[in-house]
Amino acid sequence: MKIPCAIYRGGTSKPIFFHADDLPKDSQKRDKIVLEAFGTPHVRQIDGR
């Protein structure tokens, strides 16, 4: 599956931006895709806790 995104580099950070309309509406599927894009299974990439 291909989903358009933008990857920026800022110092040691590399944020990945998606348009919400390009991601699945199902939150579990969406979160799985976002975590795969970051290359980590750690949910801190999504909720920051």
C-alpha atoms as a PDB file:
ATOM      1  CA  MET A   1       0.000   0.000   0.000  1.00  0.00           C
ATOM      2  CA  LYS A   2       1.298   3.456  -0.877  1.00  0.00           C
ATOM      3  CA  ILE A   3       0.193   6.511   1.092  1.00  0.00           C
ATOM      4  CA  PRO A   4       1.483   9.993   0.246  1.00  0.00           C
ATOM      5  CA  CYS A   5       3.462  11.678   3.003  1.00  0.00           C
ATOM      6  CA  ALA A   6       6.079  14.349   3.612  1.00  0.00           C
ATOM      7  CA  ILE A   7       9.264  13.661   5.577  1.00  0.00           C
ATOM      8  CA  TYR A   8      11.192  16.602   7.011  1.00  0.00           C
ATOM      9  CA  ARG A   9      14.497  16.621   8.777  1.00  0.00           C
ATOM     10  CA  GLY A  10      15.168  18.937  11.698  1.00  0.00           C
ATOM     11  CA  GLY A  11      18.276  18.242  13.750  1.00  0.00           C
ATOM     12  CA  THR A  12      17.916  14.733  15.134  1.00  0.00           C
ATOM     13  CA  SER A  13      14.174  14.570  14.454  1.00  0.00           C
ATOM     14  CA  LYS A  14      12.526  13.296  11.304  1.00  0.00           C
ATOM     15  CA  PRO A  15       8.760  13.919  11.425  1.00  0.00           C
ATOM     16  CA  ILE A  16       6.467  12.224   8.938  1.00  0.00           C
ATOM     17  CA  PHE A  17       3.297  14.059   7.921  1.00  0.00           C
ATOM     18  CA  PHE A  18       0.189  12.425   6.461  1.00  0.00           C
ATOM     19  CA  HIS A  19      -3.117  13.931   5.402  1.00  0.00           C
ATOM     20  CA  ALA A  20      -5.798  12.390   7.608  1.00  0.00           C
ATOM     21  CA  ASP A  21      -7.968  11.705   4.547  1.00  0.00           C
ATOM     22  CA  ASP A  22      -5.207   9.500   3.089  1.00  0.00           C
ATOM     23  CA  LEU A  23      -5.131   7.212   6.141  1.00  0.00           C
ATOM     24  CA  PRO A  24      -7.657   4.501   7.062  1.00  0.00           C
ATOM     25  CA  LYS A  25     -10.558   5.665   9.221  1.00  0.00           C
ATOM     26  CA  ASP A  26     -10.129   2.617  11.482  1.00  0.00           C
ATOM     27  CA  SER A  27      -7.825   3.812  14.290  1.00  0.00           C
ATOM     28  CA  GLN A  28      -6.034   0.471  14.734  1.00  0.00           C
ATOM     29  CA  LYS A  29      -5.202   0.236  11.028  1.00  0.00           C
ATOM     30  CA  ARG A  30      -4.166   3.896  10.971  1.00  0.00           C
ATOM     31  CA  ASP A  31      -1.885   3.513  14.001  1.00  0.00           C
ATOM     32  CA  LYS A  32      -0.274   0.391  12.525  1.00  0.00           C
ATOM     33  CA  ILE A  33       0.548   2.248   9.307  1.00  0.00           C
ATOM     34  CA  VAL A  34       1.982   5.233  11.177  1.00  0.00           C
ATOM     35  CA  LEU A  35       4.151   3.018  13.398  1.00  0.00           C
ATOM     36  CA  GLU A  36       5.411   1.106  10.344  1.00  0.00           C
ATOM     37  CA  ALA A  37       6.305   4.409   8.678  1.00  0.00           C
ATOM     38  CA  PHE A  38       8.386   5.377  11.725  1.00  0.00           C
ATOM     39  CA  GLY A  39       9.982   1.931  11.757  1.00  0.00           C
ATOM     40  CA  THR A  40       9.162   1.295  15.402  1.00  0.00           C
ATOM     41  CA  PRO A  41       6.411  -0.526  17.289  1.00  0.00           C
ATOM     42  CA  HIS A  42       6.546   2.033  20.118  1.00  0.00           C
ATOM     43  CA  VAL A  43       3.228   3.844  20.551  1.00  0.00           C
ATOM     44  CA  ARG A  44       5.018   6.970  21.858  1.00  0.00           C
ATOM     45  CA  GLN A  45       5.424   7.842  18.196  1.00  0.00           C
ATOM     46  CA  ILE A  46       1.648   8.372  18.116  1.00  0.00           C
ATOM     47  CA  ASP A  47       0.485   9.605  21.529  1.00  0.00           C
ATOM     48  CA  GLY A  48       3.692  11.042  23.046  1.00  0.00           C
ATOM     49  CA  ARG A  49       3.221   9.377  26.447  1.00  0.00           C
END
